[in-house]
Amino acid sequence: MRKSNTQKISEVISEYISEMRLSRKLGEARVISSWPVIVGPAIAKQTEKVYIRNGVFYVHLKSPVLRNELSYMKTRIMEVLNEQAGDKIITKVVLR
């Protein structure tokens, strides 16, 4: 009789992600894709570019007035982004 070596696919995927050290990159992708949901459609329309580099979340905005308003909420934005990622991957928010 053959010994069965079955695993749940979720376990296999989790093992693969941890072996390939992809969890941080997946968290970053999750944060970037959820930016319009987090800030809403009005602010998302005023956003030109969003990216993460070395734990810093960069947001390029079209409106200087909006940039000024969001600068008062940087700490809260960082908290919400890290909640969305499921880990503390964002250490700073830069608005340009």
PDB file of N, CA and C in Angstrom:
ATOM      1  N   MET A   1       0.841  -1.174   0.000  1.00  0.00           N
ATOM      2  CA  MET A   1       0.000   0.000   0.000  1.00  0.00           C
ATOM      3  C   MET A   1       0.890   1.242   0.000  1.00  0.00           C
ATOM      4  N   ARG A   2       0.554   2.226  -0.824  1.00  0.00           N
ATOM      5  CA  ARG A   2       1.330   3.457  -0.921  1.00  0.00           C
ATOM      6  C   ARG A   2       0.946   4.427   0.185  1.00  0.00           C
ATOM      7  N   LYS A   3       1.931   5.101   0.683  1.00  0.00           N
ATOM      8  CA  LYS A   3       1.691   6.108   1.711  1.00  0.00           C
ATOM      9  C   LYS A   3       1.238   7.410   1.037  1.00  0.00           C
ATOM     10  N   SER A   4       0.172   7.943   1.490  1.00  0.00           N
ATOM     11  CA  SER A   4      -0.380   9.154   0.910  1.00  0.00           C
ATOM     12  C   SER A   4       0.263  10.385   1.558  1.00  0.00           C
ATOM     13  N   ASN A   5       0.743  11.278   0.750  1.00  0.00           N
ATOM     14  CA  ASN A   5       1.356  12.509   1.232  1.00  0.00           C
ATOM     15  C   ASN A   5       0.507  13.681   0.752  1.00  0.00           C
ATOM     16  N   THR A   6      -0.658  13.819   1.317  1.00  0.00           N
ATOM     17  CA  THR A   6      -1.566  14.879   0.896  1.00  0.00           C
ATOM     18  C   THR A   6      -1.470  16.058   1.841  1.00  0.00           C
ATOM     19  N   GLN A   7      -1.607  17.234   1.255  1.00  0.00           N
ATOM     20  CA  GLN A   7      -1.625  18.471   2.021  1.00  0.00           C
ATOM     21  C   GLN A   7      -2.716  19.365   1.458  1.00  0.00           C
ATOM     22  N   LYS A   8      -3.200  20.235   2.305  1.00  0.00           N
ATOM     23  CA  LYS A   8      -4.160  21.222   1.827  1.00  0.00           C
ATOM     24  C   LYS A   8      -3.418  22.215   0.937  1.00  0.00           C
ATOM     25  N   ILE A   9      -4.089  22.675  -0.088  1.00  0.00           N
ATOM     26  CA  ILE A   9      -3.449  23.611  -1.014  1.00  0.00           C
ATOM     27  C   ILE A   9      -3.089  24.909  -0.313  1.00  0.00           C
ATOM     28  N   SER A  10      -3.877  25.337   0.660  1.00  0.00           N
ATOM     29  CA  SER A  10      -3.555  26.562   1.394  1.00  0.00           C
ATOM     30  C   SER A  10      -2.252  26.412   2.167  1.00  0.00           C
ATOM     31  N   GLU A  11      -2.000  25.226   2.703  1.00  0.00           N
ATOM     32  CA  GLU A  11      -0.747  24.974   3.418  1.00  0.00           C
ATOM     33  C   GLU A  11       0.435  25.003   2.460  1.00  0.00           C
ATOM     34  N   VAL A  12       0.256  24.413   1.284  1.00  0.00           N
ATOM     35  CA  VAL A  12       1.325  24.388   0.288  1.00  0.00           C
ATOM     36  C   VAL A  12       1.656  25.809  -0.163  1.00  0.00           C
ATOM     37  N   ILE A  13       0.639  26.608  -0.413  1.00  0.00           N
ATOM     38  CA  ILE A  13       0.850  27.995  -0.842  1.00  0.00           C
ATOM     39  C   ILE A  13       1.526  28.795   0.262  1.00  0.00           C
ATOM     40  N   SER A  14       1.094  28.620   1.497  1.00  0.00           N
ATOM     41  CA  SER A  14       1.717  29.327   2.619  1.00  0.00           C
ATOM     42  C   SER A  14       3.190  28.960   2.766  1.00  0.00           C
ATOM     43  N   GLU A  15       3.492  27.684   2.634  1.00  0.00           N
ATOM     44  CA  GLU A  15       4.888  27.243   2.703  1.00  0.00           C
ATOM     45  C   GLU A  15       5.709  27.857   1.579  1.00  0.00           C
ATOM     46  N   TYR A  16       5.140  27.874   0.384  1.00  0.00           N
ATOM     47  CA  TYR A  16       5.838  28.440  -0.768  1.00  0.00           C
ATOM     48  C   TYR A  16       6.121  29.931  -0.561  1.00  0.00           C
ATOM     49  N   ILE A  17       5.127  30.665  -0.086  1.00  0.00           N
ATOM     50  CA  ILE A  17       5.287  32.102   0.146  1.00  0.00           C
ATOM     51  C   ILE A  17       6.373  32.363   1.181  1.00  0.00           C
ATOM     52  N   SER A  18       6.388  31.588   2.250  1.00  0.00           N
ATOM     53  CA  SER A  18       7.406  31.812   3.269  1.00  0.00           C
ATOM     54  C   SER A  18       8.790  31.394   2.785  1.00  0.00           C
ATOM     55  N   GLU A  19       8.901  30.301   2.037  1.00  0.00           N
ATOM     56  CA  GLU A  19      10.197  29.863   1.518  1.00  0.00           C
ATOM     57  C   GLU A  19      10.765  30.862   0.518  1.00  0.00           C
ATOM     58  N   MET A  20       9.917  31.443  -0.287  1.00  0.00           N
ATOM     59  CA  MET A  20      10.369  32.395  -1.300  1.00  0.00           C
ATOM     60  C   MET A  20      10.456  33.832  -0.754  1.00  0.00           C
ATOM     61  N   ARG A  21      10.091  34.009   0.504  1.00  0.00           N
ATOM     62  CA  ARG A  21      10.112  35.322   1.176  1.00  0.00           C
ATOM     63  C   ARG A  21       9.288  36.356   0.410  1.00  0.00           C
ATOM     64  N   LEU A  22       8.073  35.978   0.090  1.00  0.00           N
ATOM     65  CA  LEU A  22       7.192  36.840  -0.691  1.00  0.00           C
ATOM     66  C   LEU A  22       6.147  37.569   0.140  1.00  0.00           C
ATOM     67  N   SER A  23       6.053  37.296   1.432  1.00  0.00           N
ATOM     68  CA  SER A  23       4.963  37.856   2.228  1.00  0.00           C
ATOM     69  C   SER A  23       5.013  39.381   2.274  1.00  0.00           C
ATOM     70  N   ARG A  24       6.210  39.962   2.375  1.00  0.00           N
ATOM     71  CA  ARG A  24       6.322  41.419   2.411  1.00  0.00           C
ATOM     72  C   ARG A  24       5.873  42.029   1.083  1.00  0.00           C
ATOM     73  N   LYS A  25       6.305  41.464  -0.028  1.00  0.00           N
ATOM     74  CA  LYS A  25       5.918  41.988  -1.337  1.00  0.00           C
ATOM     75  C   LYS A  25       4.413  41.839  -1.578  1.00  0.00           C
ATOM     76  N   LEU A  26       3.848  40.746  -1.121  1.00  0.00           N
ATOM     77  CA  LEU A  26       2.400  40.563  -1.262  1.00  0.00           C
ATOM     78  C   LEU A  26       1.645  41.596  -0.423  1.00  0.00           C
ATOM     79  N   GLY A  27       2.153  41.881   0.760  1.00  0.00           N
ATOM     80  CA  GLY A  27       1.548  42.915   1.600  1.00  0.00           C
ATOM     81  C   GLY A  27       1.621  44.279   0.944  1.00  0.00           C
ATOM     82  N   GLU A  28       2.771  44.592   0.329  1.00  0.00           N
ATOM     83  CA  GLU A  28       2.923  45.865  -0.376  1.00  0.00           C
ATOM     84  C   GLU A  28       1.948  45.961  -1.544  1.00  0.00           C
ATOM     85  N   ALA A  29       1.803  44.887  -2.293  1.00  0.00           N
ATOM     86  CA  ALA A  29       0.866  44.880  -3.422  1.00  0.00           C
ATOM     87  C   ALA A  29      -0.566  45.064  -2.937  1.00  0.00           C
ATOM     88  N   ARG A  30      -0.897  44.444  -1.807  1.00  0.00           N
ATOM     89  CA  ARG A  30      -2.233  44.574  -1.232  1.00  0.00           C
ATOM     90  C   ARG A  30      -2.504  46.027  -0.835  1.00  0.00           C
ATOM     91  N   VAL A  31      -1.508  46.685  -0.249  1.00  0.00           N
ATOM     92  CA  VAL A  31      -1.658  48.078   0.178  1.00  0.00           C
ATOM     93  C   VAL A  31      -1.853  48.990  -1.029  1.00  0.00           C
ATOM     94  N   ILE A  32      -1.023  48.830  -2.040  1.00  0.00           N
ATOM     95  CA  ILE A  32      -1.115  49.690  -3.223  1.00  0.00           C
ATOM     96  C   ILE A  32      -2.460  49.516  -3.929  1.00  0.00           C
ATOM     97  N   SER A  33      -2.904  48.283  -4.059  1.00  0.00           N
ATOM     98  CA  SER A  33      -4.177  48.063  -4.760  1.00  0.00           C
ATOM     99  C   SER A  33      -5.374  48.538  -3.948  1.00  0.00           C
ATOM    100  N   SER A  34      -5.236  48.633  -2.634  1.00  0.00           N
ATOM    101  CA  SER A  34      -6.360  49.064  -1.812  1.00  0.00           C
ATOM    102  C   SER A  34      -6.369  50.572  -1.546  1.00  0.00           C
ATOM    103  N   TRP A  35      -5.400  51.311  -2.060  1.00  0.00           N
ATOM    104  CA  TRP A  35      -5.348  52.761  -1.851  1.00  0.00           C
ATOM    105  C   TRP A  35      -6.658  53.453  -2.228  1.00  0.00           C
ATOM    106  N   PRO A  36      -7.250  53.204  -3.401  1.00  0.00           N
ATOM    107  CA  PRO A  36      -8.523  53.880  -3.732  1.00  0.00           C
ATOM    108  C   PRO A  36      -9.661  53.545  -2.758  1.00  0.00           C
ATOM    109  N   VAL A  37      -9.657  52.348  -2.229  1.00  0.00           N
ATOM    110  CA  VAL A  37     -10.703  51.958  -1.273  1.00  0.00           C
ATOM    111  C   VAL A  37     -10.484  52.669   0.061  1.00  0.00           C
ATOM    112  N   ILE A  38      -9.242  52.788   0.468  1.00  0.00           N
ATOM    113  CA  ILE A  38      -8.912  53.404   1.763  1.00  0.00           C
ATOM    114  C   ILE A  38      -9.260  54.889   1.764  1.00  0.00           C
ATOM    115  N   VAL A  39      -8.875  55.619   0.706  1.00  0.00           N
ATOM    116  CA  VAL A  39      -9.073  57.073   0.698  1.00  0.00           C
ATOM    117  C   VAL A  39     -10.364  57.510   0.025  1.00  0.00           C
ATOM    118  N   GLY A  40     -10.963  56.627  -0.751  1.00  0.00           N
ATOM    119  CA  GLY A  40     -12.204  56.976  -1.436  1.00  0.00           C
ATOM    120  C   GLY A  40     -11.950  57.452  -2.853  1.00  0.00           C
ATOM    121  N   PRO A  41     -13.002  57.489  -3.653  1.00  0.00           N
ATOM    122  CA  PRO A  41     -12.847  57.813  -5.079  1.00  0.00           C
ATOM    123  C   PRO A  41     -12.412  59.253  -5.358  1.00  0.00           C
ATOM    124  N   ALA A  42     -12.821  60.208  -4.523  1.00  0.00           N
ATOM    125  CA  ALA A  42     -12.471  61.618  -4.778  1.00  0.00           C
ATOM    126  C   ALA A  42     -10.963  61.838  -4.642  1.00  0.00           C
ATOM    127  N   ILE A  43     -10.377  61.299  -3.595  1.00  0.00           N
ATOM    128  CA  ILE A  43      -8.931  61.453  -3.392  1.00  0.00           C
ATOM    129  C   ILE A  43      -8.168  60.578  -4.382  1.00  0.00           C
ATOM    130  N   ALA A  44      -8.692  59.405  -4.684  1.00  0.00           N
ATOM    131  CA  ALA A  44      -8.031  58.509  -5.635  1.00  0.00           C
ATOM    132  C   ALA A  44      -7.913  59.163  -7.012  1.00  0.00           C
ATOM    133  N   LYS A  45      -8.909  59.978  -7.396  1.00  0.00           N
ATOM    134  CA  LYS A  45      -8.858  60.687  -8.681  1.00  0.00           C
ATOM    135  C   LYS A  45      -7.726  61.720  -8.707  1.00  0.00           C
ATOM    136  N   GLN A  46      -7.408  62.274  -7.553  1.00  0.00           N
ATOM    137  CA  GLN A  46      -6.364  63.285  -7.453  1.00  0.00           C
ATOM    138  C   GLN A  46      -4.972  62.681  -7.260  1.00  0.00           C
ATOM    139  N   THR A  47      -4.897  61.352  -7.231  1.00  0.00           N
ATOM    140  CA  THR A  47      -3.629  60.656  -7.038  1.00  0.00           C
ATOM    141  C   THR A  47      -3.024  60.306  -8.391  1.00  0.00           C
ATOM    142  N   GLU A  48      -1.770  60.704  -8.598  1.00  0.00           N
ATOM    143  CA  GLU A  48      -1.090  60.393  -9.852  1.00  0.00           C
ATOM    144  C   GLU A  48      -0.323  59.079  -9.775  1.00  0.00           C
ATOM    145  N   LYS A  49       0.397  58.872  -8.676  1.00  0.00           N
ATOM    146  CA  LYS A  49       1.230  57.682  -8.561  1.00  0.00           C
ATOM    147  C   LYS A  49       1.333  57.279  -7.096  1.00  0.00           C
ATOM    148  N   VAL A  50       1.324  55.961  -6.857  1.00  0.00           N
ATOM    149  CA  VAL A  50       1.477  55.398  -5.515  1.00  0.00           C
ATOM    150  C   VAL A  50       2.482  54.260  -5.607  1.00  0.00           C
ATOM    151  N   TYR A  51       3.481  54.271  -4.728  1.00  0.00           N
ATOM    152  CA  TYR A  51       4.443  53.172  -4.702  1.00  0.00           C
ATOM    153  C   TYR A  51       5.104  53.081  -3.329  1.00  0.00           C
ATOM    154  N   ILE A  52       5.771  51.960  -3.093  1.00  0.00           N
ATOM    155  CA  ILE A  52       6.464  51.714  -1.833  1.00  0.00           C
ATOM    156  C   ILE A  52       7.923  51.419  -2.140  1.00  0.00           C
ATOM    157  N   ARG A  53       8.799  52.082  -1.410  1.00  0.00           N
ATOM    158  CA  ARG A  53      10.233  51.828  -1.556  1.00  0.00           C
ATOM    159  C   ARG A  53      10.855  51.831  -0.158  1.00  0.00           C
ATOM    160  N   ASN A  54      11.459  50.723   0.215  1.00  0.00           N
ATOM    161  CA  ASN A  54      12.134  50.563   1.510  1.00  0.00           C
ATOM    162  C   ASN A  54      11.222  50.894   2.694  1.00  0.00           C
ATOM    163  N   GLY A  55       9.983  50.481   2.623  1.00  0.00           N
ATOM    164  CA  GLY A  55       9.041  50.698   3.712  1.00  0.00           C
ATOM    165  C   GLY A  55       8.402  52.070   3.742  1.00  0.00           C
ATOM    166  N   VAL A  56       8.743  52.920   2.784  1.00  0.00           N
ATOM    167  CA  VAL A  56       8.169  54.267   2.711  1.00  0.00           C
ATOM    168  C   VAL A  56       7.099  54.273   1.629  1.00  0.00           C
ATOM    169  N   PHE A  57       5.902  54.737   1.997  1.00  0.00           N
ATOM    170  CA  PHE A  57       4.758  54.797   1.086  1.00  0.00           C
ATOM    171  C   PHE A  57       4.733  56.186   0.450  1.00  0.00           C
ATOM    172  N   TYR A  58       4.940  56.259  -0.860  1.00  0.00           N
ATOM    173  CA  TYR A  58       4.958  57.525  -1.591  1.00  0.00           C
ATOM    174  C   TYR A  58       3.645  57.711  -2.338  1.00  0.00           C
ATOM    175  N   VAL A  59       3.094  58.919  -2.221  1.00  0.00           N
ATOM    176  CA  VAL A  59       1.855  59.270  -2.924  1.00  0.00           C
ATOM    177  C   VAL A  59       2.097  60.582  -3.658  1.00  0.00           C
ATOM    178  N   HIS A  60       1.932  60.576  -4.972  1.00  0.00           N
ATOM    179  CA  HIS A  60       2.045  61.794  -5.772  1.00  0.00           C
ATOM    180  C   HIS A  60       0.628  62.296  -6.039  1.00  0.00           C
ATOM    181  N   LEU A  61       0.366  63.521  -5.612  1.00  0.00           N
ATOM    182  CA  LEU A  61      -0.972  64.109  -5.719  1.00  0.00           C
ATOM    183  C   LEU A  61      -0.978  65.273  -6.706  1.00  0.00           C
ATOM    184  N   LYS A  62      -2.107  65.482  -7.359  1.00  0.00           N
ATOM    185  CA  LYS A  62      -2.269  66.577  -8.310  1.00  0.00           C
ATOM    186  C   LYS A  62      -2.529  67.903  -7.603  1.00  0.00           C
ATOM    187  N   SER A  63      -3.135  67.849  -6.431  1.00  0.00           N
ATOM    188  CA  SER A  63      -3.584  69.055  -5.751  1.00  0.00           C
ATOM    189  C   SER A  63      -2.726  69.366  -4.519  1.00  0.00           C
ATOM    190  N   PRO A  64      -2.112  70.551  -4.484  1.00  0.00           N
ATOM    191  CA  PRO A  64      -1.351  70.938  -3.294  1.00  0.00           C
ATOM    192  C   PRO A  64      -2.239  71.121  -2.060  1.00  0.00           C
ATOM    193  N   VAL A  65      -3.470  71.533  -2.279  1.00  0.00           N
ATOM    194  CA  VAL A  65      -4.402  71.697  -1.160  1.00  0.00           C
ATOM    195  C   VAL A  65      -4.702  70.342  -0.529  1.00  0.00           C
ATOM    196  N   LEU A  66      -4.951  69.352  -1.352  1.00  0.00           N
ATOM    197  CA  LEU A  66      -5.211  68.003  -0.861  1.00  0.00           C
ATOM    198  C   LEU A  66      -3.981  67.436  -0.162  1.00  0.00           C
ATOM    199  N   ARG A  67      -2.807  67.690  -0.724  1.00  0.00           N
ATOM    200  CA  ARG A  67      -1.562  67.228  -0.097  1.00  0.00           C
ATOM    201  C   ARG A  67      -1.417  67.816   1.306  1.00  0.00           C
ATOM    202  N   ASN A  68      -1.751  69.094   1.445  1.00  0.00           N
ATOM    203  CA  ASN A  68      -1.682  69.748   2.751  1.00  0.00           C
ATOM    204  C   ASN A  68      -2.670  69.126   3.732  1.00  0.00           C
ATOM    205  N   GLU A  69      -3.890  68.871   3.285  1.00  0.00           N
ATOM    206  CA  GLU A  69      -4.901  68.265   4.147  1.00  0.00           C
ATOM    207  C   GLU A  69      -4.494  66.854   4.585  1.00  0.00           C
ATOM    208  N   LEU A  70      -3.970  66.063   3.647  1.00  0.00           N
ATOM    209  CA  LEU A  70      -3.569  64.696   3.981  1.00  0.00           C
ATOM    210  C   LEU A  70      -2.335  64.662   4.870  1.00  0.00           C
ATOM    211  N   SER A  71      -1.521  65.700   4.817  1.00  0.00           N
ATOM    212  CA  SER A  71      -0.317  65.719   5.653  1.00  0.00           C
ATOM    213  C   SER A  71      -0.674  65.715   7.139  1.00  0.00           C
ATOM    214  N   TYR A  72      -1.835  66.233   7.489  1.00  0.00           N
ATOM    215  CA  TYR A  72      -2.283  66.214   8.883  1.00  0.00           C
ATOM    216  C   TYR A  72      -2.709  64.807   9.322  1.00  0.00           C
ATOM    217  N   MET A  73      -2.965  63.933   8.357  1.00  0.00           N
ATOM    218  CA  MET A  73      -3.473  62.589   8.660  1.00  0.00           C
ATOM    219  C   MET A  73      -2.450  61.489   8.345  1.00  0.00           C
ATOM    220  N   LYS A  74      -1.180  61.820   8.221  1.00  0.00           N
ATOM    221  CA  LYS A  74      -0.163  60.845   7.841  1.00  0.00           C
ATOM    222  C   LYS A  74      -0.117  59.647   8.790  1.00  0.00           C
ATOM    223  N   THR A  75      -0.183  59.919  10.089  1.00  0.00           N
ATOM    224  CA  THR A  75      -0.107  58.825  11.070  1.00  0.00           C
ATOM    225  C   THR A  75      -1.275  57.876  10.914  1.00  0.00           C
ATOM    226  N   ARG A  76      -2.456  58.412  10.765  1.00  0.00           N
ATOM    227  CA  ARG A  76      -3.654  57.569  10.602  1.00  0.00           C
ATOM    228  C   ARG A  76      -3.606  56.801   9.280  1.00  0.00           C
ATOM    229  N   ILE A  77      -3.141  57.452   8.216  1.00  0.00           N
ATOM    230  CA  ILE A  77      -3.018  56.775   6.926  1.00  0.00           C
ATOM    231  C   ILE A  77      -2.068  55.595   7.049  1.00  0.00           C
ATOM    232  N   MET A  78      -0.943  55.800   7.736  1.00  0.00           N
ATOM    233  CA  MET A  78       0.041  54.730   7.916  1.00  0.00           C
ATOM    234  C   MET A  78      -0.567  53.567   8.712  1.00  0.00           C
ATOM    235  N   GLU A  79      -1.334  53.873   9.744  1.00  0.00           N
ATOM    236  CA  GLU A  79      -1.983  52.822  10.533  1.00  0.00           C
ATOM    237  C   GLU A  79      -2.945  51.999   9.686  1.00  0.00           C
ATOM    238  N   VAL A  80      -3.765  52.664   8.884  1.00  0.00           N
ATOM    239  CA  VAL A  80      -4.745  51.970   8.054  1.00  0.00           C
ATOM    240  C   VAL A  80      -4.046  51.125   6.982  1.00  0.00           C
ATOM    241  N   LEU A  81      -2.985  51.650   6.401  1.00  0.00           N
ATOM    242  CA  LEU A  81      -2.237  50.897   5.392  1.00  0.00           C
ATOM    243  C   LEU A  81      -1.622  49.635   5.996  1.00  0.00           C
ATOM    244  N   ASN A  82      -1.062  49.756   7.185  1.00  0.00           N
ATOM    245  CA  ASN A  82      -0.470  48.586   7.847  1.00  0.00           C
ATOM    246  C   ASN A  82      -1.539  47.572   8.248  1.00  0.00           C
ATOM    247  N   GLU A  83      -2.710  48.051   8.649  1.00  0.00           N
ATOM    248  CA  GLU A  83      -3.820  47.132   8.942  1.00  0.00           C
ATOM    249  C   GLU A  83      -4.205  46.370   7.677  1.00  0.00           C
ATOM    250  N   GLN A  84      -4.238  47.067   6.568  1.00  0.00           N
ATOM    251  CA  GLN A  84      -4.601  46.444   5.294  1.00  0.00           C
ATOM    252  C   GLN A  84      -3.572  45.400   4.885  1.00  0.00           C
ATOM    253  N   ALA A  85      -2.299  45.670   5.164  1.00  0.00           N
ATOM    254  CA  ALA A  85      -1.231  44.732   4.810  1.00  0.00           C
ATOM    255  C   ALA A  85      -1.201  43.533   5.743  1.00  0.00           C
ATOM    256  N   GLY A  86      -1.722  43.697   6.941  1.00  0.00           N
ATOM    257  CA  GLY A  86      -1.686  42.610   7.910  1.00  0.00           C
ATOM    258  C   GLY A  86      -0.381  42.532   8.672  1.00  0.00           C
ATOM    259  N   ASP A  87       0.487  43.517   8.488  1.00  0.00           N
ATOM    260  CA  ASP A  87       1.788  43.550   9.147  1.00  0.00           C
ATOM    261  C   ASP A  87       2.295  44.985   9.073  1.00  0.00           C
ATOM    262  N   LYS A  88       3.289  45.296   9.886  1.00  0.00           N
ATOM    263  CA  LYS A  88       3.834  46.659   9.855  1.00  0.00           C
ATOM    264  C   LYS A  88       4.906  46.745   8.770  1.00  0.00           C
ATOM    265  N   ILE A  89       4.475  47.051   7.553  1.00  0.00           N
ATOM    266  CA  ILE A  89       5.416  47.167   6.441  1.00  0.00           C
ATOM    267  C   ILE A  89       5.671  48.619   6.054  1.00  0.00           C
ATOM    268  N   ILE A  90       4.764  49.528   6.430  1.00  0.00           N
ATOM    269  CA  ILE A  90       4.915  50.944   6.114  1.00  0.00           C
ATOM    270  C   ILE A  90       5.466  51.647   7.348  1.00  0.00           C
ATOM    271  N   THR A  91       6.616  52.313   7.176  1.00  0.00           N
ATOM    272  CA  THR A  91       7.236  53.018   8.297  1.00  0.00           C
ATOM    273  C   THR A  91       7.065  54.516   8.198  1.00  0.00           C
ATOM    274  N   LYS A  92       6.741  55.004   6.992  1.00  0.00           N
ATOM    275  CA  LYS A  92       6.610  56.437   6.773  1.00  0.00           C
ATOM    276  C   LYS A  92       5.732  56.684   5.557  1.00  0.00           C
ATOM    277  N   VAL A  93       5.016  57.813   5.560  1.00  0.00           N
ATOM    278  CA  VAL A  93       4.186  58.217   4.418  1.00  0.00           C
ATOM    279  C   VAL A  93       4.740  59.540   3.894  1.00  0.00           C
ATOM    280  N   VAL A  94       5.021  59.589   2.599  1.00  0.00           N
ATOM    281  CA  VAL A  94       5.526  60.803   1.961  1.00  0.00           C
ATOM    282  C   VAL A  94       4.512  61.241   0.913  1.00  0.00           C
ATOM    283  N   LEU A  95       4.080  62.493   1.031  1.00  0.00           N
ATOM    284  CA  LEU A  95       3.113  63.059   0.081  1.00  0.00           C
ATOM    285  C   LEU A  95       3.843  64.052  -0.803  1.00  0.00           C
ATOM    286  N   ARG A  96       3.723  63.878  -2.105  1.00  0.00           N
ATOM    287  CA  ARG A  96       4.382  64.779  -3.050  1.00  0.00           C
ATOM    288  C   ARG A  96       3.403  65.358  -4.014  1.00  0.00           C
TER     289      ARG A  96
END
